[in-house]
C-alpha atoms as a PDB file:
ATOM      1  CA  MET A   1     127.969 -66.677 150.043  1.00  0.00           C
ATOM      2  CA  THR A   2     124.930 -68.840 149.304  1.00  0.00           C
ATOM      3  CA  LEU A   3     124.351 -70.366 145.885  1.00  0.00           C
ATOM      4  CA  ARG A   4     121.266 -68.189 145.361  1.00  0.00           C
ATOM      5  CA  SER A   5     123.065 -64.961 146.253  1.00  0.00           C
ATOM      6  CA  GLY A   6     125.976 -65.933 144.056  1.00  0.00           C
ATOM      7  CA  VAL A   7     123.738 -66.578 141.068  1.00  0.00           C
ATOM      8  CA  CYS A   8     121.993 -63.281 141.702  1.00  0.00           C
ATOM      9  CA  MET A   9     125.326 -61.455 141.720  1.00  0.00           C
ATOM     10  CA  VAL A  10     126.313 -63.040 138.419  1.00  0.00           C
ATOM     11  CA  GLY A  11     122.954 -62.114 136.911  1.00  0.00           C
ATOM     12  CA  MET A  12     123.243 -58.515 138.017  1.00  0.00           C
ATOM     13  CA  LEU A  13     126.798 -58.376 136.682  1.00  0.00           C
ATOM     14  CA  MET A  14     125.453 -59.476 133.297  1.00  0.00           C
ATOM     15  CA  PHE A  15     122.999 -56.574 133.462  1.00  0.00           C
ATOM     16  CA  VAL A  16     125.785 -54.098 134.223  1.00  0.00           C
ATOM     17  CA  LEU A  17     128.064 -55.427 131.503  1.00  0.00           C
ATOM     18  CA  ALA A  18     125.309 -55.029 128.930  1.00  0.00           C
ATOM     19  CA  GLY A  19     125.608 -51.242 129.394  1.00  0.00           C
ATOM     20  CA  HIS A  20     122.274 -49.454 129.843  1.00  0.00           C
ATOM     21  CA  ASP A  21     122.999 -45.828 130.568  1.00  0.00           C
ATOM     22  CA  ALA A  22     121.422 -44.302 127.435  1.00  0.00           C
ATOM     23  CA  GLY A  23     117.732 -44.060 126.677  1.00  0.00           C
ATOM     24  CA  ALA A  24     116.204 -45.645 123.592  1.00  0.00           C
ATOM     25  CA  ALA A  25     114.649 -42.872 121.515  1.00  0.00           C
ATOM     26  CA  THR A  26     114.513 -44.676 118.153  1.00  0.00           C
ATOM     27  CA  LEU A  27     114.175 -48.217 116.848  1.00  0.00           C
ATOM     28  CA  ASP A  28     117.890 -48.200 116.094  1.00  0.00           C
ATOM     29  CA  ASP A  29     118.541 -47.835 119.842  1.00  0.00           C
ATOM     30  CA  VAL A  30     116.686 -51.074 120.641  1.00  0.00           C
ATOM     31  CA  GLN A  31     118.973 -53.994 121.520  1.00  0.00           C
ATOM     32  CA  PHE A  32     116.622 -56.896 122.273  1.00  0.00           C
ATOM     33  CA  TRP A  33     114.836 -57.988 119.074  1.00  0.00           C
ATOM     34  CA  VAL A  34     112.245 -60.728 118.688  1.00  0.00           C
ATOM     35  CA  GLY A  35     110.937 -62.305 115.493  1.00  0.00           C
ATOM     36  CA  THR A  36     111.934 -61.960 111.848  1.00  0.00           C
ATOM     37  CA  GLY A  37     110.583 -59.907 108.972  1.00  0.00           C
ATOM     38  CA  ALA A  38     110.798 -56.614 107.135  1.00  0.00           C
ATOM     39  CA  ASN A  39     108.560 -54.672 109.550  1.00  0.00           C
ATOM     40  CA  ARG A  40     109.732 -53.326 112.907  1.00  0.00           C
ATOM     41  CA  ALA A  41     107.903 -52.085 116.005  1.00  0.00           C
ATOM     42  CA  ALA A  42     108.833 -51.267 119.599  1.00  0.00           C
ATOM     43  CA  LEU A  43     107.319 -52.425 122.888  1.00  0.00           C
ATOM     44  CA  VAL A  44     107.778 -50.237 125.986  1.00  0.00           C
ATOM     45  CA  LEU A  45     106.920 -51.466 129.493  1.00  0.00           C
ATOM     46  CA  ASP A  46     106.886 -48.908 132.320  1.00  0.00           C
ATOM     47  CA  TRP A  47     106.189 -50.235 135.833  1.00  0.00           C
ATOM     48  CA  ASN A  48     106.071 -46.763 137.439  1.00  0.00           C
ATOM     49  CA  ASP A  49     107.450 -48.246 140.649  1.00  0.00           C
ATOM     50  CA  GLY A  50     110.092 -45.636 141.437  1.00  0.00           C
ATOM     51  CA  ARG A  51     112.962 -47.993 140.697  1.00  0.00           C
ATOM     52  CA  SER A  52     115.610 -47.461 138.065  1.00  0.00           C
ATOM     53  CA  PRO A  53     115.387 -48.211 135.250  1.00  0.00           C
ATOM     54  CA  GLU A  54     111.669 -47.528 135.309  1.00  0.00           C
ATOM     55  CA  ALA A  55     110.971 -48.659 131.750  1.00  0.00           C
ATOM     56  CA  PHE A  56     112.470 -51.029 129.182  1.00  0.00           C
ATOM     57  CA  VAL A  57     111.978 -51.325 125.424  1.00  0.00           C
ATOM     58  CA  TRP A  58     112.082 -54.389 123.158  1.00  0.00           C
ATOM     59  CA  GLY A  59     111.865 -54.672 119.381  1.00  0.00           C
ATOM     60  CA  TYR A  60     109.587 -56.872 117.271  1.00  0.00           C
ATOM     61  CA  ARG A  61     110.011 -57.911 113.631  1.00  0.00           C
ATOM     62  CA  TRP A  62     107.340 -59.491 111.449  1.00  0.00           C
ATOM     63  CA  ASP A  63     105.937 -59.908 107.950  1.00  0.00           C
ATOM     64  CA  GLY A  64     102.295 -59.692 106.951  1.00  0.00           C
ATOM     65  CA  THR A  65      99.798 -58.689 109.650  1.00  0.00           C
ATOM     66  CA  ALA A  66     100.458 -58.566 113.397  1.00  0.00           C
ATOM     67  CA  THR A  67      98.604 -57.149 116.393  1.00  0.00           C
ATOM     68  CA  GLY A  68      99.791 -55.467 119.550  1.00  0.00           C
ATOM     69  CA  LEU A  69      98.977 -58.683 121.398  1.00  0.00           C
ATOM     70  CA  ASP A  70     101.133 -60.669 118.969  1.00  0.00           C
ATOM     71  CA  MET A  71     104.070 -58.414 119.801  1.00  0.00           C
ATOM     72  CA  LEU A  72     103.533 -58.540 123.567  1.00  0.00           C
ATOM     73  CA  ARG A  73     103.261 -62.318 123.622  1.00  0.00           C
ATOM     74  CA  ALA A  74     106.244 -62.828 121.310  1.00  0.00           C
ATOM     75  CA  VAL A  75     108.471 -60.660 123.499  1.00  0.00           C
ATOM     76  CA  VAL A  76     107.301 -62.322 126.722  1.00  0.00           C
ATOM     77  CA  GLU A  77     107.933 -65.774 125.264  1.00  0.00           C
ATOM     78  CA  VAL A  78     111.489 -64.980 124.157  1.00  0.00           C
ATOM     79  CA  ASP A  79     112.709 -62.918 127.133  1.00  0.00           C
ATOM     80  CA  ASP A  80     112.940 -65.395 130.013  1.00  0.00           C
ATOM     81  CA  ARG A  81     112.753 -62.521 132.501  1.00  0.00           C
ATOM     82  CA  LEU A  82     109.310 -61.343 131.365  1.00  0.00           C
ATOM     83  CA  PHE A  83     105.925 -62.622 132.539  1.00  0.00           C
ATOM     84  CA  ALA A  84     102.373 -61.551 131.707  1.00  0.00           C
ATOM     85  CA  HIS A  85      98.877 -62.283 133.026  1.00  0.00           C
ATOM     86  CA  VAL A  86      95.963 -61.469 130.716  1.00  0.00           C
ATOM     87  CA  SER A  87      92.235 -62.071 130.389  1.00  0.00           C
ATOM     88  CA  GLU A  88      90.471 -64.545 128.172  1.00  0.00           C
ATOM     89  CA  ALA A  89      89.607 -63.121 124.761  1.00  0.00           C
ATOM     90  CA  GLY A  90      86.091 -61.678 124.799  1.00  0.00           C
ATOM     91  CA  PRO A  91      83.827 -59.260 122.919  1.00  0.00           C
ATOM     92  CA  PHE A  92      86.140 -56.387 123.875  1.00  0.00           C
ATOM     93  CA  GLY A  93      89.368 -58.210 123.146  1.00  0.00           C
ATOM     94  CA  VAL A  94      92.038 -59.080 125.711  1.00  0.00           C
ATOM     95  CA  SER A  95      92.888 -57.099 128.850  1.00  0.00           C
ATOM     96  CA  VAL A  96      96.405 -57.025 130.250  1.00  0.00           C
ATOM     97  CA  PHE A  97      96.151 -57.494 134.018  1.00  0.00           C
ATOM     98  CA  GLY A  98      99.711 -58.031 135.218  1.00  0.00           C
ATOM     99  CA  ILE A  99     103.268 -57.807 133.905  1.00  0.00           C
ATOM    100  CA  GLY A 100     106.371 -58.982 135.746  1.00  0.00           C
ATOM    101  CA  TYR A 101     110.123 -58.937 135.315  1.00  0.00           C
ATOM    102  CA  ASP A 102     112.894 -60.940 136.964  1.00  0.00           C
ATOM    103  CA  LEU A 103     114.831 -57.810 137.868  1.00  0.00           C
ATOM    104  CA  SER A 104     117.054 -59.640 140.356  1.00  0.00           C
ATOM    105  CA  GLY A 105     118.321 -61.846 137.535  1.00  0.00           C
ATOM    106  CA  ASP A 106     118.378 -65.015 139.646  1.00  0.00           C
ATOM    107  CA  GLY A 107     116.264 -67.028 137.212  1.00  0.00           C
ATOM    108  CA  ALA A 108     113.490 -67.590 139.769  1.00  0.00           C
ATOM    109  CA  PHE A 109     110.178 -65.741 139.514  1.00  0.00           C
ATOM    110  CA  GLY A 110     106.841 -66.167 141.224  1.00  0.00           C
ATOM    111  CA  VAL A 111     103.835 -64.193 142.405  1.00  0.00           C
ATOM    112  CA  ASN A 112     101.529 -64.360 145.406  1.00  0.00           C
ATOM    113  CA  PRO A 113      98.670 -65.255 145.144  1.00  0.00           C
ATOM    114  CA  ALA A 114     100.194 -67.782 142.786  1.00  0.00           C
ATOM    115  CA  ILE A 115      99.212 -68.216 139.157  1.00  0.00           C
ATOM    116  CA  ALA A 116     100.440 -70.777 136.648  1.00  0.00           C
ATOM    117  CA  PHE A 117     102.640 -69.414 133.876  1.00  0.00           C
ATOM    118  CA  ASP A 118     103.216 -71.554 130.807  1.00  0.00           C
ATOM    119  CA  SER A 119     106.720 -72.258 129.513  1.00  0.00           C
ATOM    120  CA  GLY A 120     106.668 -68.911 127.735  1.00  0.00           C
ATOM    121  CA  GLY A 121     105.849 -66.868 130.851  1.00  0.00           C
ATOM    122  CA  TRP A 122     102.203 -66.373 129.818  1.00  0.00           C
ATOM    123  CA  SER A 123      99.129 -66.765 132.039  1.00  0.00           C
ATOM    124  CA  VAL A 124      95.420 -66.382 131.310  1.00  0.00           C
ATOM    125  CA  GLY A 125      92.900 -65.844 134.096  1.00  0.00           C
ATOM    126  CA  LEU A 126      91.241 -63.331 136.389  1.00  0.00           C
ATOM    127  CA  ALA A 127      92.769 -60.190 137.867  1.00  0.00           C
ATOM    128  CA  ASP A 128      93.814 -59.883 141.514  1.00  0.00           C
ATOM    129  CA  ASP A 129      94.877 -56.403 142.589  1.00  0.00           C
ATOM    130  CA  SER A 130      96.603 -57.816 145.688  1.00  0.00           C
ATOM    131  CA  ARG A 131      99.063 -59.947 143.714  1.00  0.00           C
ATOM    132  CA  VAL A 132     102.749 -59.137 144.269  1.00  0.00           C
ATOM    133  CA  ALA A 133     106.117 -60.616 143.347  1.00  0.00           C
ATOM    134  CA  VAL A 134     107.365 -63.286 145.762  1.00  0.00           C
ATOM    135  CA  ASP A 135     110.874 -61.834 145.519  1.00  0.00           C
ATOM    136  CA  LEU A 136     110.581 -58.134 146.303  1.00  0.00           C
ATOM    137  CA  ALA A 137     113.710 -57.552 144.224  1.00  0.00           C
ATOM    138  CA  ASP A 138     111.657 -58.523 141.156  1.00  0.00           C
ATOM    139  CA  ARG A 139     108.893 -56.542 139.495  1.00  0.00           C
ATOM    140  CA  TRP A 140     105.195 -57.280 139.307  1.00  0.00           C
ATOM    141  CA  ALA A 141     102.354 -54.832 138.765  1.00  0.00           C
ATOM    142  CA  GLU A 142      98.753 -55.962 138.435  1.00  0.00           C
ATOM    143  CA  GLY A 143      95.481 -54.138 138.617  1.00  0.00           C
ATOM    144  CA  TRP A 144      91.899 -53.823 137.527  1.00  0.00           C
ATOM    145  CA  ASN A 145      89.953 -52.288 140.419  1.00  0.00           C
ATOM    146  CA  THR A 146      92.641 -50.157 142.104  1.00  0.00           C
ATOM    147  CA  GLY A 147      94.931 -49.560 139.138  1.00  0.00           C
ATOM    148  CA  PHE A 148      95.524 -50.721 135.595  1.00  0.00           C
ATOM    149  CA  TRP A 149      98.017 -51.056 132.763  1.00  0.00           C
ATOM    150  CA  GLY A 150      97.403 -48.106 130.440  1.00  0.00           C
ATOM    151  CA  TYR A 151      97.876 -48.924 126.766  1.00  0.00           C
ATOM    152  CA  ASN A 152      99.484 -46.247 124.611  1.00  0.00           C
ATOM    153  CA  ILE A 153     100.337 -46.224 120.927  1.00  0.00           C
ATOM    154  CA  LYS A 154     102.086 -44.077 118.350  1.00  0.00           C
ATOM    155  CA  GLY A 155     102.977 -44.494 114.711  1.00  0.00           C
ATOM    156  CA  SER A 156     106.640 -43.594 115.036  1.00  0.00           C
ATOM    157  CA  ALA A 157     109.282 -42.626 117.576  1.00  0.00           C
ATOM    158  CA  GLU A 158     108.806 -38.943 116.733  1.00  0.00           C
ATOM    159  CA  GLU A 159     105.084 -38.873 117.537  1.00  0.00           C
ATOM    160  CA  SER A 160     103.540 -38.301 120.955  1.00  0.00           C
ATOM    161  CA  TRP A 161     101.881 -41.109 122.875  1.00  0.00           C
ATOM    162  CA  ALA A 162      98.107 -41.457 122.546  1.00  0.00           C
ATOM    163  CA  SER A 163      95.741 -43.711 124.475  1.00  0.00           C
ATOM    164  CA  ALA A 164      94.728 -46.705 122.396  1.00  0.00           C
ATOM    165  CA  LEU A 165      91.058 -46.905 121.458  1.00  0.00           C
ATOM    166  CA  THR A 166      91.200 -50.704 121.519  1.00  0.00           C
ATOM    167  CA  GLY A 167      93.055 -53.357 123.460  1.00  0.00           C
ATOM    168  CA  PRO A 168      96.193 -54.973 122.055  1.00  0.00           C
ATOM    169  CA  LEU A 169      94.187 -57.656 120.226  1.00  0.00           C
ATOM    170  CA  GLY A 170      92.413 -54.973 118.195  1.00  0.00           C
ATOM    171  CA  ARG A 171      95.585 -53.021 117.458  1.00  0.00           C
ATOM    172  CA  THR A 172      97.078 -53.684 114.004  1.00  0.00           C
ATOM    173  CA  LEU A 173     100.774 -52.873 113.962  1.00  0.00           C
ATOM    174  CA  SER A 174     102.420 -50.823 111.241  1.00  0.00           C
ATOM    175  CA  ASP A 175     106.083 -50.593 110.356  1.00  0.00           C
ATOM    176  CA  GLY A 176     107.803 -48.184 112.770  1.00  0.00           C
ATOM    177  CA  ALA A 177     105.003 -48.280 115.359  1.00  0.00           C
ATOM    178  CA  TRP A 178     105.481 -48.079 119.128  1.00  0.00           C
ATOM    179  CA  ASP A 179     103.269 -49.698 121.782  1.00  0.00           C
ATOM    180  CA  GLY A 180     103.635 -48.671 125.412  1.00  0.00           C
ATOM    181  CA  TYR A 181     102.172 -50.117 128.607  1.00  0.00           C
ATOM    182  CA  SER A 182     102.368 -47.867 131.651  1.00  0.00           C
ATOM    183  CA  PHE A 183     101.075 -49.039 135.024  1.00  0.00           C
ATOM    184  CA  ALA A 184      98.742 -46.571 136.739  1.00  0.00           C
ATOM    185  CA  PRO A 185      98.412 -47.271 140.485  1.00  0.00           C
ATOM    186  CA  GLY A 186      95.300 -45.619 141.846  1.00  0.00           C
ATOM    187  CA  PHE A 187      94.350 -44.852 138.229  1.00  0.00           C
ATOM    188  CA  ASN A 188      96.937 -42.054 138.169  1.00  0.00           C
ATOM    189  CA  PHE A 189      97.797 -42.494 134.521  1.00  0.00           C
ATOM    190  CA  THR A 190     100.963 -41.170 132.870  1.00  0.00           C
ATOM    191  CA  ASP A 191     102.537 -41.810 129.491  1.00  0.00           C
ATOM    192  CA  PRO A 192     105.442 -44.260 129.426  1.00  0.00           C
ATOM    193  CA  SER A 193     108.733 -42.647 130.370  1.00  0.00           C
ATOM    194  CA  GLU A 194     111.762 -42.793 128.075  1.00  0.00           C
ATOM    195  CA  PRO A 195     112.897 -46.413 128.282  1.00  0.00           C
ATOM    196  CA  LEU A 196     116.275 -48.038 128.405  1.00  0.00           C
ATOM    197  CA  PRO A 197     117.025 -50.902 126.016  1.00  0.00           C
ATOM    198  CA  ALA A 198     116.022 -54.215 127.568  1.00  0.00           C
ATOM    199  CA  PRO A 199     119.256 -56.034 128.467  1.00  0.00           C
ATOM    200  CA  VAL A 200     120.570 -58.775 126.223  1.00  0.00           C
ATOM    201  CA  PRO A 201     123.238 -61.183 127.559  1.00  0.00           C
ATOM    202  CA  GLU A 202     126.418 -60.424 125.633  1.00  0.00           C
ATOM    203  CA  PRO A 203     129.009 -63.079 124.688  1.00  0.00           C
ATOM    204  CA  GLY A 204     131.435 -61.840 127.323  1.00  0.00           C
ATOM    205  CA  ALA A 205     128.733 -61.779 129.957  1.00  0.00           C
ATOM    206  CA  ILE A 206     127.637 -65.296 129.054  1.00  0.00           C
ATOM    207  CA  ALA A 207     131.216 -66.536 129.380  1.00  0.00           C
ATOM    208  CA  LEU A 208     131.444 -64.781 132.726  1.00  0.00           C
ATOM    209  CA  LEU A 209     128.214 -66.472 133.772  1.00  0.00           C
ATOM    210  CA  PHE A 210     129.698 -69.900 133.053  1.00  0.00           C
ATOM    211  CA  ILE A 211     132.885 -68.987 134.901  1.00  0.00           C
ATOM    212  CA  GLY A 212     130.885 -67.663 137.831  1.00  0.00           C
ATOM    213  CA  GLY A 213     128.751 -70.790 137.849  1.00  0.00           C
ATOM    214  CA  ALA A 214     131.840 -72.997 137.874  1.00  0.00           C
ATOM    215  CA  VAL A 215     133.306 -71.016 140.763  1.00  0.00           C
ATOM    216  CA  LEU A 216     130.060 -71.287 142.715  1.00  0.00           C
ATOM    217  CA  LEU A 217     129.805 -75.022 142.023  1.00  0.00           C
ATOM    218  CA  LYS A 218     133.377 -75.554 143.176  1.00  0.00           C
ATOM    219  CA  ALA A 219     132.763 -73.504 146.301  1.00  0.00           C
ATOM    220  CA  CYS A 220     129.608 -75.453 147.101  1.00  0.00           C
ATOM    221  CA  SER A 221     131.392 -78.780 146.517  1.00  0.00           C
ATOM    222  CA  ARG A 222     134.221 -77.706 148.781  1.00  0.00           C
ATOM    223  CA  ARG A 223     131.741 -76.653 151.448  1.00  0.00           C
ATOM    224  CA  ARG A 224     129.951 -80.002 151.231  1.00  0.00           C
ATOM    225  CA  ALA A 225     133.265 -81.858 151.451  1.00  0.00           C
ATOM    226  CA  THR A 226     134.278 -79.859 154.520  1.00  0.00           C
ATOM    227  CA  ALA A 227     130.916 -80.502 156.149  1.00  0.00           C
ATOM    228  CA  THR A 228     131.263 -84.237 155.438  1.00  0.00           C
ATOM    229  CA  GLU A 229     134.726 -84.406 156.989  1.00  0.00           C
ATOM    230  CA  ARG A 230     133.489 -82.593 160.078  1.00  0.00           C
ATOM    231  CA  SER A 231     130.574 -84.994 160.330  1.00  0.00           C
ATOM    232  CA  LYS A 232     132.916 -87.977 160.124  1.00  0.00           C
ATOM    233  CA  GLY A 233     135.118 -86.482 162.811  1.00  0.00           C
ATOM    234  CA  ASN A 234     132.167 -85.959 165.113  1.00  0.00           C
ATOM    235  CA  ASN A 235     131.087 -89.573 164.625  1.00  0.00           C
ATOM    236  CA  CYS A 236     134.495 -91.030 165.593  1.00  0.00           C
ATOM    237  CA  VAL A 237     134.618 -92.994 168.862  1.00  0.00           C
ATOM    238  CA  GLY A 238     137.697 -92.190 170.962  1.00  0.00           C
END
């Protein structure tokens, strides 16, 4: 087992232990929360890539006034597995070009053609419809000319999705609101599917991660020691 594959296995085990077999139909079903405040809203991301789970949901808390872009950026910055590529702010607001997710759980994420993400997983620049995830086990969907991220909103979990009339910068959140981004390859747009709660590392899973890391480190050290002894043996003069 290589170190990378071992880390990946531990990461996927964390995902399994978090238990994600029930959809999130209400805000009370959301597990991953970002921010503080009396108001709550949900963020749904649906990659429409045929893989399961197709969509995840995060929660956002705030006081005062917040926009859909505030929620998206806050969630991306806190969840180390999330990445986003957006346009510069202009007369029509901000466009969301690409969204990625470290689905493999190995802690390494990149795209090709490469773009520079800041420490919070955020990138601002131009769209490139050919951009894909370096690791095919991860998720990345980007589009502007051959597809796009549809932006949907609703005032509560009980309402039906509706296409937003503005971008996320022009969307003022209300308590109980839901924002959904659904990727539409070939401009074949669909509403976001029912999401699963975005996984949150649980205490037991975190402990298991440390144990798994220690085991991997010990195994790698043992392998290096064995390789060193073999090298010494090969260098001996009889």
